[in-house]
PDB file of all heavy atoms in Angstrom:
ATOM      1  N   ASN A   1      40.954 174.247  32.003  1.00  0.00           N
ATOM      2  CA  ASN A   1      41.204 174.009  30.555  1.00  0.00           C
ATOM      3  C   ASN A   1      42.252 174.975  30.055  1.00  0.00           C
ATOM      4  O   ASN A   1      41.883 176.195  29.942  1.00  0.00           O
ATOM      5  CB  ASN A   1      39.888 174.165  29.788  1.00  0.00           C
ATOM      6  CG  ASN A   1      40.013 173.829  28.312  1.00  0.00           C
ATOM      7  OD1 ASN A   1      40.478 174.666  27.549  1.00  0.00           O
ATOM      8  ND2 ASN A   1      39.629 172.686  27.910  1.00  0.00           N
ATOM      9  N   ASN A   2      43.314 174.567  29.821  1.00  0.00           N
ATOM     10  CA  ASN A   2      44.409 175.406  29.391  1.00  0.00           C
ATOM     11  C   ASN A   2      44.288 176.212  28.112  1.00  0.00           C
ATOM     12  O   ASN A   2      44.830 177.253  27.926  1.00  0.00           O
ATOM     13  CB  ASN A   2      45.686 174.734  29.359  1.00  0.00           C
ATOM     14  CG  ASN A   2      46.220 174.078  30.596  1.00  0.00           C
ATOM     15  OD1 ASN A   2      45.911 174.651  31.689  1.00  0.00           O
ATOM     16  ND2 ASN A   2      46.876 172.954  30.594  1.00  0.00           N
ATOM     17  N   SER A   3      43.337 175.743  27.247  1.00  0.00           N
ATOM     18  CA  SER A   3      43.151 176.469  26.015  1.00  0.00           C
ATOM     19  C   SER A   3      42.199 177.692  26.136  1.00  0.00           C
ATOM     20  O   SER A   3      42.041 178.491  25.226  1.00  0.00           O
ATOM     21  CB  SER A   3      42.638 175.557  24.990  1.00  0.00           C
ATOM     22  OG  SER A   3      41.265 175.028  25.257  1.00  0.00           O
ATOM     23  N   SER A   4      41.414 177.689  27.280  1.00  0.00           N
ATOM     24  CA  SER A   4      40.445 178.786  27.423  1.00  0.00           C
ATOM     25  C   SER A   4      41.193 180.063  27.827  1.00  0.00           C
ATOM     26  O   SER A   4      42.207 179.973  28.394  1.00  0.00           O
ATOM     27  CB  SER A   4      39.415 178.430  28.479  1.00  0.00           C
ATOM     28  OG  SER A   4      39.981 178.209  29.684  1.00  0.00           O
ATOM     29  N   LYS A   5      40.378 181.179  27.642  1.00  0.00           N
ATOM     30  CA  LYS A   5      40.995 182.454  28.062  1.00  0.00           C
ATOM     31  C   LYS A   5      40.088 183.072  29.186  1.00  0.00           C
ATOM     32  O   LYS A   5      39.027 182.629  29.416  1.00  0.00           O
ATOM     33  CB  LYS A   5      40.960 183.479  26.826  1.00  0.00           C
ATOM     34  CG  LYS A   5      41.752 183.017  25.584  1.00  0.00           C
ATOM     35  CD  LYS A   5      41.564 183.855  24.424  1.00  0.00           C
ATOM     36  CE  LYS A   5      42.482 183.447  23.230  1.00  0.00           C
ATOM     37  NZ  LYS A   5      42.164 182.187  22.748  1.00  0.00           N
ATOM     38  N   PHE A   6      40.523 184.173  29.738  1.00  0.00           N
ATOM     39  CA  PHE A   6      39.778 184.765  30.847  1.00  0.00           C
ATOM     40  C   PHE A   6      40.114 186.198  30.896  1.00  0.00           C
ATOM     41  O   PHE A   6      41.085 186.671  30.367  1.00  0.00           O
ATOM     42  CB  PHE A   6      40.047 184.107  32.209  1.00  0.00           C
ATOM     43  CG  PHE A   6      41.363 184.495  32.815  1.00  0.00           C
ATOM     44  CD1 PHE A   6      41.518 185.537  33.581  1.00  0.00           C
ATOM     45  CD2 PHE A   6      42.403 183.616  32.609  1.00  0.00           C
ATOM     46  CE1 PHE A   6      42.864 185.767  34.223  1.00  0.00           C
ATOM     47  CE2 PHE A   6      43.766 183.892  32.999  1.00  0.00           C
ATOM     48  CZ  PHE A   6      43.844 185.047  33.914  1.00  0.00           C
ATOM     49  N   GLY A   7      39.136 186.967  31.408  1.00  0.00           N
ATOM     50  CA  GLY A   7      39.257 188.422  31.554  1.00  0.00           C
ATOM     51  C   GLY A   7      37.970 189.010  32.014  1.00  0.00           C
ATOM     52  O   GLY A   7      37.223 188.531  32.850  1.00  0.00           O
ATOM     53  N   THR A   8      37.663 190.299  31.507  1.00  0.00           N
ATOM     54  CA  THR A   8      36.451 190.955  31.942  1.00  0.00           C
ATOM     55  C   THR A   8      35.279 190.496  31.174  1.00  0.00           C
ATOM     56  O   THR A   8      35.348 189.878  30.101  1.00  0.00           O
ATOM     57  CB  THR A   8      36.574 192.494  31.717  1.00  0.00           C
ATOM     58  OG1 THR A   8      36.708 192.743  30.293  1.00  0.00           O
ATOM     59  CG2 THR A   8      37.896 193.002  32.492  1.00  0.00           C
ATOM     60  N   ASN A   9      34.103 190.929  31.593  1.00  0.00           N
ATOM     61  CA  ASN A   9      32.839 190.608  30.911  1.00  0.00           C
ATOM     62  C   ASN A   9      32.799 191.218  29.566  1.00  0.00           C
ATOM     63  O   ASN A   9      32.420 190.686  28.562  1.00  0.00           O
ATOM     64  CB  ASN A   9      31.683 191.038  31.740  1.00  0.00           C
ATOM     65  CG  ASN A   9      31.337 190.112  32.899  1.00  0.00           C
ATOM     66  OD1 ASN A   9      31.406 188.892  32.759  1.00  0.00           O
ATOM     67  ND2 ASN A   9      30.963 190.609  34.020  1.00  0.00           N
ATOM     68  N   GLN A  10      33.322 192.381  29.434  1.00  0.00           N
ATOM     69  CA  GLN A  10      33.433 193.137  28.172  1.00  0.00           C
ATOM     70  C   GLN A  10      34.301 192.428  27.227  1.00  0.00           C
ATOM     71  O   GLN A  10      33.958 192.259  26.055  1.00  0.00           O
ATOM     72  CB  GLN A  10      33.947 194.563  28.358  1.00  0.00           C
ATOM     73  CG  GLN A  10      33.899 195.315  27.107  1.00  0.00           C
ATOM     74  CD  GLN A  10      32.472 195.723  26.718  1.00  0.00           C
ATOM     75  OE1 GLN A  10      31.604 195.949  27.509  1.00  0.00           O
ATOM     76  NE2 GLN A  10      32.349 195.953  25.340  1.00  0.00           N
ATOM     77  N   GLN A  11      35.506 191.964  27.681  1.00  0.00           N
ATOM     78  CA  GLN A  11      36.296 191.142  26.759  1.00  0.00           C
ATOM     79  C   GLN A  11      35.704 189.919  26.319  1.00  0.00           C
ATOM     80  O   GLN A  11      35.789 189.478  25.239  1.00  0.00           O
ATOM     81  CB  GLN A  11      37.674 190.883  27.483  1.00  0.00           C
ATOM     82  CG  GLN A  11      38.412 192.059  27.736  1.00  0.00           C
ATOM     83  CD  GLN A  11      39.822 191.688  28.616  1.00  0.00           C
ATOM     84  OE1 GLN A  11      39.554 191.059  29.651  1.00  0.00           O
ATOM     85  NE2 GLN A  11      40.905 192.253  28.186  1.00  0.00           N
ATOM     86  N   ALA A  12      34.879 189.219  27.239  1.00  0.00           N
ATOM     87  CA  ALA A  12      34.154 187.970  26.767  1.00  0.00           C
ATOM     88  C   ALA A  12      33.072 188.284  25.854  1.00  0.00           C
ATOM     89  O   ALA A  12      32.915 187.486  24.866  1.00  0.00           O
ATOM     90  CB  ALA A  12      33.599 187.326  28.124  1.00  0.00           C
ATOM     91  N   ALA A  13      32.402 189.361  25.963  1.00  0.00           N
ATOM     92  CA  ALA A  13      31.319 189.798  25.016  1.00  0.00           C
ATOM     93  C   ALA A  13      31.986 190.105  23.621  1.00  0.00           C
ATOM     94  O   ALA A  13      31.379 189.721  22.616  1.00  0.00           O
ATOM     95  CB  ALA A  13      30.570 190.981  25.552  1.00  0.00           C
ATOM     96  N   GLU A  14      33.115 190.736  23.653  1.00  0.00           N
ATOM     97  CA  GLU A  14      33.786 191.116  22.322  1.00  0.00           C
ATOM     98  C   GLU A  14      34.380 189.705  21.692  1.00  0.00           C
ATOM     99  O   GLU A  14      34.280 189.729  20.467  1.00  0.00           O
ATOM    100  CB  GLU A  14      34.986 191.944  22.632  1.00  0.00           C
ATOM    101  CG  GLU A  14      34.463 193.456  23.039  1.00  0.00           C
ATOM    102  CD  GLU A  14      35.671 194.298  23.588  1.00  0.00           C
ATOM    103  OE1 GLU A  14      36.747 193.763  23.578  1.00  0.00           O
ATOM    104  OE2 GLU A  14      35.390 195.473  23.850  1.00  0.00           O
ATOM    105  N   PHE A  15      34.716 188.832  22.460  1.00  0.00           N
ATOM    106  CA  PHE A  15      35.418 187.572  21.901  1.00  0.00           C
ATOM    107  C   PHE A  15      34.339 186.594  21.350  1.00  0.00           C
ATOM    108  O   PHE A  15      34.551 186.122  20.205  1.00  0.00           O
ATOM    109  CB  PHE A  15      36.059 186.778  23.068  1.00  0.00           C
ATOM    110  CG  PHE A  15      36.747 185.470  22.645  1.00  0.00           C
ATOM    111  CD1 PHE A  15      37.962 185.485  22.204  1.00  0.00           C
ATOM    112  CD2 PHE A  15      35.949 184.290  22.800  1.00  0.00           C
ATOM    113  CE1 PHE A  15      38.458 184.154  21.775  1.00  0.00           C
ATOM    114  CE2 PHE A  15      36.545 183.146  22.501  1.00  0.00           C
ATOM    115  CZ  PHE A  15      37.790 183.046  21.948  1.00  0.00           C
ATOM    116  N   GLY A  16      33.157 186.483  21.955  1.00  0.00           N
ATOM    117  CA  GLY A  16      32.335 185.441  21.560  1.00  0.00           C
ATOM    118  C   GLY A  16      31.453 185.723  20.376  1.00  0.00           C
ATOM    119  O   GLY A  16      30.919 186.811  20.187  1.00  0.00           O
ATOM    120  N   ASP A  17      31.132 184.599  19.560  1.00  0.00           N
ATOM    121  CA  ASP A  17      30.246 184.686  18.546  1.00  0.00           C
ATOM    122  C   ASP A  17      28.754 184.454  19.170  1.00  0.00           C
ATOM    123  O   ASP A  17      27.781 184.949  18.752  1.00  0.00           O
ATOM    124  CB  ASP A  17      30.525 183.697  17.445  1.00  0.00           C
ATOM    125  CG  ASP A  17      31.787 183.951  16.760  1.00  0.00           C
ATOM    126  OD1 ASP A  17      32.045 185.083  16.442  1.00  0.00           O
ATOM    127  OD2 ASP A  17      32.547 182.925  16.513  1.00  0.00           O
ATOM    128  N   ILE A  18      28.899 183.509  20.180  1.00  0.00           N
ATOM    129  CA  ILE A  18      27.713 183.093  20.900  1.00  0.00           C
ATOM    130  C   ILE A  18      28.041 183.353  22.381  1.00  0.00           C
ATOM    131  O   ILE A  18      29.192 183.102  22.809  1.00  0.00           O
ATOM    132  CB  ILE A  18      27.366 181.608  20.783  1.00  0.00           C
ATOM    133  CG1 ILE A  18      27.051 181.315  19.292  1.00  0.00           C
ATOM    134  CG2 ILE A  18      26.221 181.141  21.683  1.00  0.00           C
ATOM    135  CD1 ILE A  18      26.784 179.804  19.064  1.00  0.00           C
ATOM    136  N   ILE A  19      27.070 184.005  23.021  1.00  0.00           N
ATOM    137  CA  ILE A  19      27.313 184.410  24.493  1.00  0.00           C
ATOM    138  C   ILE A  19      26.447 183.646  25.388  1.00  0.00           C
ATOM    139  O   ILE A  19      25.234 183.430  25.091  1.00  0.00           O
ATOM    140  CB  ILE A  19      26.964 185.905  24.613  1.00  0.00           C
ATOM    141  CG1 ILE A  19      27.792 186.747  23.627  1.00  0.00           C
ATOM    142  CG2 ILE A  19      27.155 186.441  26.062  1.00  0.00           C
ATOM    143  CD1 ILE A  19      29.250 186.753  23.794  1.00  0.00           C
ATOM    144  N   TYR A  20      27.062 183.191  26.509  1.00  0.00           N
ATOM    145  CA  TYR A  20      26.168 182.719  27.586  1.00  0.00           C
ATOM    146  C   TYR A  20      26.168 183.766  28.690  1.00  0.00           C
ATOM    147  O   TYR A  20      27.184 184.219  29.282  1.00  0.00           O
ATOM    148  CB  TYR A  20      26.782 181.467  28.204  1.00  0.00           C
ATOM    149  CG  TYR A  20      26.009 180.935  29.389  1.00  0.00           C
ATOM    150  CD1 TYR A  20      24.809 180.382  29.159  1.00  0.00           C
ATOM    151  CD2 TYR A  20      26.483 181.141  30.741  1.00  0.00           C
ATOM    152  CE1 TYR A  20      23.983 179.966  30.306  1.00  0.00           C
ATOM    153  CE2 TYR A  20      25.652 180.785  31.777  1.00  0.00           C
ATOM    154  CZ  TYR A  20      24.394 180.132  31.624  1.00  0.00           C
ATOM    155  OH  TYR A  20      23.735 179.796  32.729  1.00  0.00           O
ATOM    156  N   TYR A  21      24.980 184.444  29.000  1.00  0.00           N
ATOM    157  CA  TYR A  21      24.681 185.415  29.867  1.00  0.00           C
ATOM    158  C   TYR A  21      24.285 184.952  31.152  1.00  0.00           C
ATOM    159  O   TYR A  21      23.133 184.301  31.298  1.00  0.00           O
ATOM    160  CB  TYR A  21      23.747 186.392  29.349  1.00  0.00           C
ATOM    161  CG  TYR A  21      23.656 187.775  30.143  1.00  0.00           C
ATOM    162  CD1 TYR A  21      24.599 188.788  29.909  1.00  0.00           C
ATOM    163  CD2 TYR A  21      22.648 187.887  31.131  1.00  0.00           C
ATOM    164  CE1 TYR A  21      24.422 189.846  30.692  1.00  0.00           C
ATOM    165  CE2 TYR A  21      22.430 189.026  31.874  1.00  0.00           C
ATOM    166  CZ  TYR A  21      23.451 190.004  31.717  1.00  0.00           C
ATOM    167  OH  TYR A  21      23.363 191.125  32.441  1.00  0.00           O
ATOM    168  N   SER A  22      25.099 185.051  32.226  1.00  0.00           N
ATOM    169  CA  SER A  22      24.808 184.356  33.453  1.00  0.00           C
ATOM    170  C   SER A  22      24.231 185.238  34.569  1.00  0.00           C
ATOM    171  O   SER A  22      23.439 184.795  35.357  1.00  0.00           O
ATOM    172  CB  SER A  22      26.117 183.616  34.053  1.00  0.00           C
ATOM    173  OG  SER A  22      25.852 182.970  35.288  1.00  0.00           O
ATOM    174  N   PRO A  23      24.553 186.625  34.633  1.00  0.00           N
ATOM    175  CA  PRO A  23      24.145 187.486  35.687  1.00  0.00           C
ATOM    176  C   PRO A  23      22.654 187.342  35.873  1.00  0.00           C
ATOM    177  O   PRO A  23      21.955 187.807  34.847  1.00  0.00           O
ATOM    178  CB  PRO A  23      24.713 188.774  35.320  1.00  0.00           C
ATOM    179  CG  PRO A  23      25.911 188.621  34.449  1.00  0.00           C
ATOM    180  CD  PRO A  23      25.545 187.407  33.709  1.00  0.00           C
ATOM    181  N   ARG A  24      22.172 187.000  36.912  1.00  0.00           N
ATOM    182  CA  ARG A  24      20.639 186.828  37.061  1.00  0.00           C
ATOM    183  C   ARG A  24      20.031 188.162  37.633  1.00  0.00           C
ATOM    184  O   ARG A  24      20.485 188.796  38.630  1.00  0.00           O
ATOM    185  CB  ARG A  24      20.312 185.809  38.130  1.00  0.00           C
ATOM    186  CG  ARG A  24      18.844 185.353  37.978  1.00  0.00           C
ATOM    187  CD  ARG A  24      18.671 184.141  38.884  1.00  0.00           C
ATOM    188  NE  ARG A  24      18.435 184.481  40.206  1.00  0.00           N
ATOM    189  CZ  ARG A  24      17.881 183.647  41.151  1.00  0.00           C
ATOM    190  NH1 ARG A  24      17.571 182.478  40.832  1.00  0.00           N
ATOM    191  NH2 ARG A  24      17.733 184.113  42.419  1.00  0.00           N
TER     192      ARG A  24
END
């Protein structure tokens, strides 16, 4: 999906209003 972004987990946490937490 070309509109999505990627990076570190910290960046994802900072970006999201809602978080999906996957590490089990």
